[in-house]
Amino acid sequence: MDRATFTIPALWADHHVLAVRQVLSTVPGVANITASAMNKEVALDFDPAATSPDAIAQALSAAGYAPGDLPQAGPAPRQKAAWNTCGYRVTVTNQADNAMSGDFRKY
């Protein structure tokens, strides 16, 4: 038995995991299917005499779960914070607010 791992971008919930496991269980020679929606990966053992990774990928694609690369996440563009545009930022609590807040707001 050989081991294959596929990255599936459309695998994002438990019902997708169940659907992928159901599709792969019908492919002859496939065993020990492990699917993870968190990692968007499917790992499995397959018999090279019965099937190939290309046949497994075709079965996944036919079911709507085409293996592929995950989109690369980059750093978010820097934006000017709203408090920066006001001209000043309050970092000390006003004591008048503390005096009027009552016992329920003391922390």
C-alpha atoms as a PDB file:
ATOM      1  CA  MET A   1       0.000   0.000   0.000  1.00  0.00           C
ATOM      2  CA  ASP A   2       1.159   3.488  -0.870  1.00  0.00           C
ATOM      3  CA  ARG A   3       0.172   6.701   0.904  1.00  0.00           C
ATOM      4  CA  ALA A   4      -1.218   9.783  -0.853  1.00  0.00           C
ATOM      5  CA  THR A   5      -2.196  13.190   0.473  1.00  0.00           C
ATOM      6  CA  PHE A   6      -4.402  15.658  -1.374  1.00  0.00           C
ATOM      7  CA  THR A   7      -5.057  19.313  -0.568  1.00  0.00           C
ATOM      8  CA  ILE A   8      -8.707  20.149  -1.217  1.00  0.00           C
ATOM      9  CA  PRO A   9      -9.620  23.848  -0.989  1.00  0.00           C
ATOM     10  CA  ALA A  10     -13.398  23.113  -1.036  1.00  0.00           C
ATOM     11  CA  LEU A  11     -13.147  20.983   2.109  1.00  0.00           C
ATOM     12  CA  TRP A  12     -14.306  23.394   4.794  1.00  0.00           C
ATOM     13  CA  ALA A  13     -17.029  21.697   6.864  1.00  0.00           C
ATOM     14  CA  ASP A  14     -17.926  18.324   8.334  1.00  0.00           C
ATOM     15  CA  HIS A  15     -20.511  17.522   5.667  1.00  0.00           C
ATOM     16  CA  HIS A  16     -17.780  17.957   3.038  1.00  0.00           C
ATOM     17  CA  VAL A  17     -15.556  15.548   4.975  1.00  0.00           C
ATOM     18  CA  LEU A  18     -18.338  12.962   4.985  1.00  0.00           C
ATOM     19  CA  ALA A  19     -18.970  13.439   1.262  1.00  0.00           C
ATOM     20  CA  VAL A  20     -15.264  13.049   0.408  1.00  0.00           C
ATOM     21  CA  ARG A  21     -14.978   9.921   2.555  1.00  0.00           C
ATOM     22  CA  GLN A  22     -18.054   8.465   0.840  1.00  0.00           C
ATOM     23  CA  VAL A  23     -16.655   9.186  -2.641  1.00  0.00           C
ATOM     24  CA  LEU A  24     -13.249   7.735  -1.826  1.00  0.00           C
ATOM     25  CA  SER A  25     -14.694   4.608  -0.233  1.00  0.00           C
ATOM     26  CA  THR A  26     -16.174   3.660  -3.627  1.00  0.00           C
ATOM     27  CA  VAL A  27     -12.775   3.817  -5.383  1.00  0.00           C
ATOM     28  CA  PRO A  28     -11.305   0.299  -5.545  1.00  0.00           C
ATOM     29  CA  GLY A  29      -8.017  -0.134  -3.696  1.00  0.00           C
ATOM     30  CA  VAL A  30      -8.466   2.862  -1.366  1.00  0.00           C
ATOM     31  CA  ALA A  31      -8.265   2.311   2.409  1.00  0.00           C
ATOM     32  CA  ASN A  32      -7.593   4.216   5.653  1.00  0.00           C
ATOM     33  CA  ILE A  33      -9.129   7.521   4.565  1.00  0.00           C
ATOM     34  CA  THR A  34      -8.404  10.452   6.861  1.00  0.00           C
ATOM     35  CA  ALA A  35     -10.015  13.772   5.952  1.00  0.00           C
ATOM     36  CA  SER A  36      -9.603  17.051   7.823  1.00  0.00           C
ATOM     37  CA  ALA A  37     -11.667  20.161   7.176  1.00  0.00           C
ATOM     38  CA  MET A  38      -9.346  22.156   9.422  1.00  0.00           C
ATOM     39  CA  ASN A  39      -6.252  21.324   7.344  1.00  0.00           C
ATOM     40  CA  LYS A  40      -8.201  20.959   4.065  1.00  0.00           C
ATOM     41  CA  GLU A  41      -6.377  17.678   3.474  1.00  0.00           C
ATOM     42  CA  VAL A  42      -7.254  14.099   2.675  1.00  0.00           C
ATOM     43  CA  ALA A  43      -4.720  11.347   3.362  1.00  0.00           C
ATOM     44  CA  LEU A  44      -5.293   7.762   2.290  1.00  0.00           C
ATOM     45  CA  ASP A  45      -3.651   4.446   1.550  1.00  0.00           C
ATOM     46  CA  PHE A  46      -4.113   2.958  -1.911  1.00  0.00           C
ATOM     47  CA  ASP A  47      -3.127  -0.198  -3.733  1.00  0.00           C
ATOM     48  CA  PRO A  48      -1.037   0.798  -6.798  1.00  0.00           C
ATOM     49  CA  ALA A  49      -2.213  -2.333  -8.621  1.00  0.00           C
ATOM     50  CA  ALA A  50      -5.869  -1.284  -8.260  1.00  0.00           C
ATOM     51  CA  THR A  51      -5.786   2.502  -8.633  1.00  0.00           C
ATOM     52  CA  SER A  52      -3.512   5.504  -9.041  1.00  0.00           C
ATOM     53  CA  PRO A  53      -3.334   8.992  -7.524  1.00  0.00           C
ATOM     54  CA  ASP A  54      -4.599  10.401 -10.843  1.00  0.00           C
ATOM     55  CA  ALA A  55      -7.692   8.171 -10.715  1.00  0.00           C
ATOM     56  CA  ILE A  56      -8.326   9.221  -7.121  1.00  0.00           C
ATOM     57  CA  ALA A  57      -7.967  12.898  -8.085  1.00  0.00           C
ATOM     58  CA  GLN A  58     -10.409  12.387 -10.962  1.00  0.00           C
ATOM     59  CA  ALA A  59     -12.952  10.799  -8.605  1.00  0.00           C
ATOM     60  CA  LEU A  60     -12.593  13.753  -6.228  1.00  0.00           C
ATOM     61  CA  SER A  61     -12.941  16.246  -9.092  1.00  0.00           C
ATOM     62  CA  ALA A  62     -16.056  14.513 -10.408  1.00  0.00           C
ATOM     63  CA  ALA A  63     -17.635  14.887  -6.962  1.00  0.00           C
ATOM     64  CA  GLY A  64     -16.818  18.617  -6.828  1.00  0.00           C
ATOM     65  CA  TYR A  65     -13.779  18.377  -4.558  1.00  0.00           C
ATOM     66  CA  ALA A  66     -10.933  18.975  -6.976  1.00  0.00           C
ATOM     67  CA  PRO A  67      -7.470  18.769  -5.414  1.00  0.00           C
ATOM     68  CA  GLY A  68      -5.489  21.948  -5.748  1.00  0.00           C
ATOM     69  CA  ASP A  69      -3.428  24.546  -4.007  1.00  0.00           C
ATOM     70  CA  LEU A  70      -4.808  26.631  -1.197  1.00  0.00           C
ATOM     71  CA  PRO A  71      -4.891  30.360  -1.822  1.00  0.00           C
ATOM     72  CA  GLN A  72      -1.880  32.025  -0.298  1.00  0.00           C
ATOM     73  CA  ALA A  73      -2.703  34.457   2.467  1.00  0.00           C
ATOM     74  CA  GLY A  74      -0.532  37.506   2.608  1.00  0.00           C
ATOM     75  CA  PRO A  75      -0.259  40.297   5.120  1.00  0.00           C
ATOM     76  CA  ALA A  76      -3.231  42.631   5.264  1.00  0.00           C
ATOM     77  CA  PRO A  77      -2.597  46.070   3.833  1.00  0.00           C
ATOM     78  CA  ARG A  78      -1.755  48.632   6.477  1.00  0.00           C
ATOM     79  CA  GLN A  79      -4.546  51.093   7.054  1.00  0.00           C
ATOM     80  CA  LYS A  80      -4.478  54.246   9.055  1.00  0.00           C
ATOM     81  CA  ALA A  81      -6.239  53.672  12.356  1.00  0.00           C
ATOM     82  CA  ALA A  82      -9.289  55.831  13.085  1.00  0.00           C
ATOM     83  CA  TRP A  83      -7.822  57.166  16.339  1.00  0.00           C
ATOM     84  CA  ASN A  84      -4.810  58.381  14.383  1.00  0.00           C
ATOM     85  CA  THR A  85      -6.945  60.733  12.282  1.00  0.00           C
ATOM     86  CA  CYS A  86      -8.600  62.450  15.283  1.00  0.00           C
ATOM     87  CA  GLY A  87      -5.373  64.075  16.357  1.00  0.00           C
ATOM     88  CA  TYR A  88      -5.213  62.752  19.912  1.00  0.00           C
ATOM     89  CA  ARG A  89      -5.731  59.518  21.799  1.00  0.00           C
ATOM     90  CA  VAL A  90      -6.965  59.260  25.392  1.00  0.00           C
ATOM     91  CA  THR A  91      -4.943  56.729  27.361  1.00  0.00           C
ATOM     92  CA  VAL A  92      -5.840  57.814  30.915  1.00  0.00           C
ATOM     93  CA  THR A  93      -9.297  57.365  32.466  1.00  0.00           C
ATOM     94  CA  ASN A  94     -11.033  60.593  33.376  1.00  0.00           C
ATOM     95  CA  GLN A  95     -11.534  60.593  37.175  1.00  0.00           C
ATOM     96  CA  ALA A  96     -14.941  62.286  36.824  1.00  0.00           C
ATOM     97  CA  ASP A  97     -16.124  59.223  34.879  1.00  0.00           C
ATOM     98  CA  ASN A  98     -14.905  56.951  37.675  1.00  0.00           C
ATOM     99  CA  ALA A  99     -16.719  59.021  40.327  1.00  0.00           C
ATOM    100  CA  MET A 100     -20.027  58.915  38.423  1.00  0.00           C
ATOM    101  CA  SER A 101     -19.857  55.273  37.374  1.00  0.00           C
ATOM    102  CA  GLY A 102     -21.097  53.703  40.633  1.00  0.00           C
ATOM    103  CA  ASP A 103     -20.100  50.463  42.322  1.00  0.00           C
ATOM    104  CA  PHE A 104     -21.191  48.224  39.468  1.00  0.00           C
ATOM    105  CA  ARG A 105     -18.560  49.661  37.103  1.00  0.00           C
ATOM    106  CA  LYS A 106     -15.539  49.411  39.389  1.00  0.00           C
ATOM    107  CA  TYR A 107     -12.941  47.027  37.999  1.00  0.00           C
END
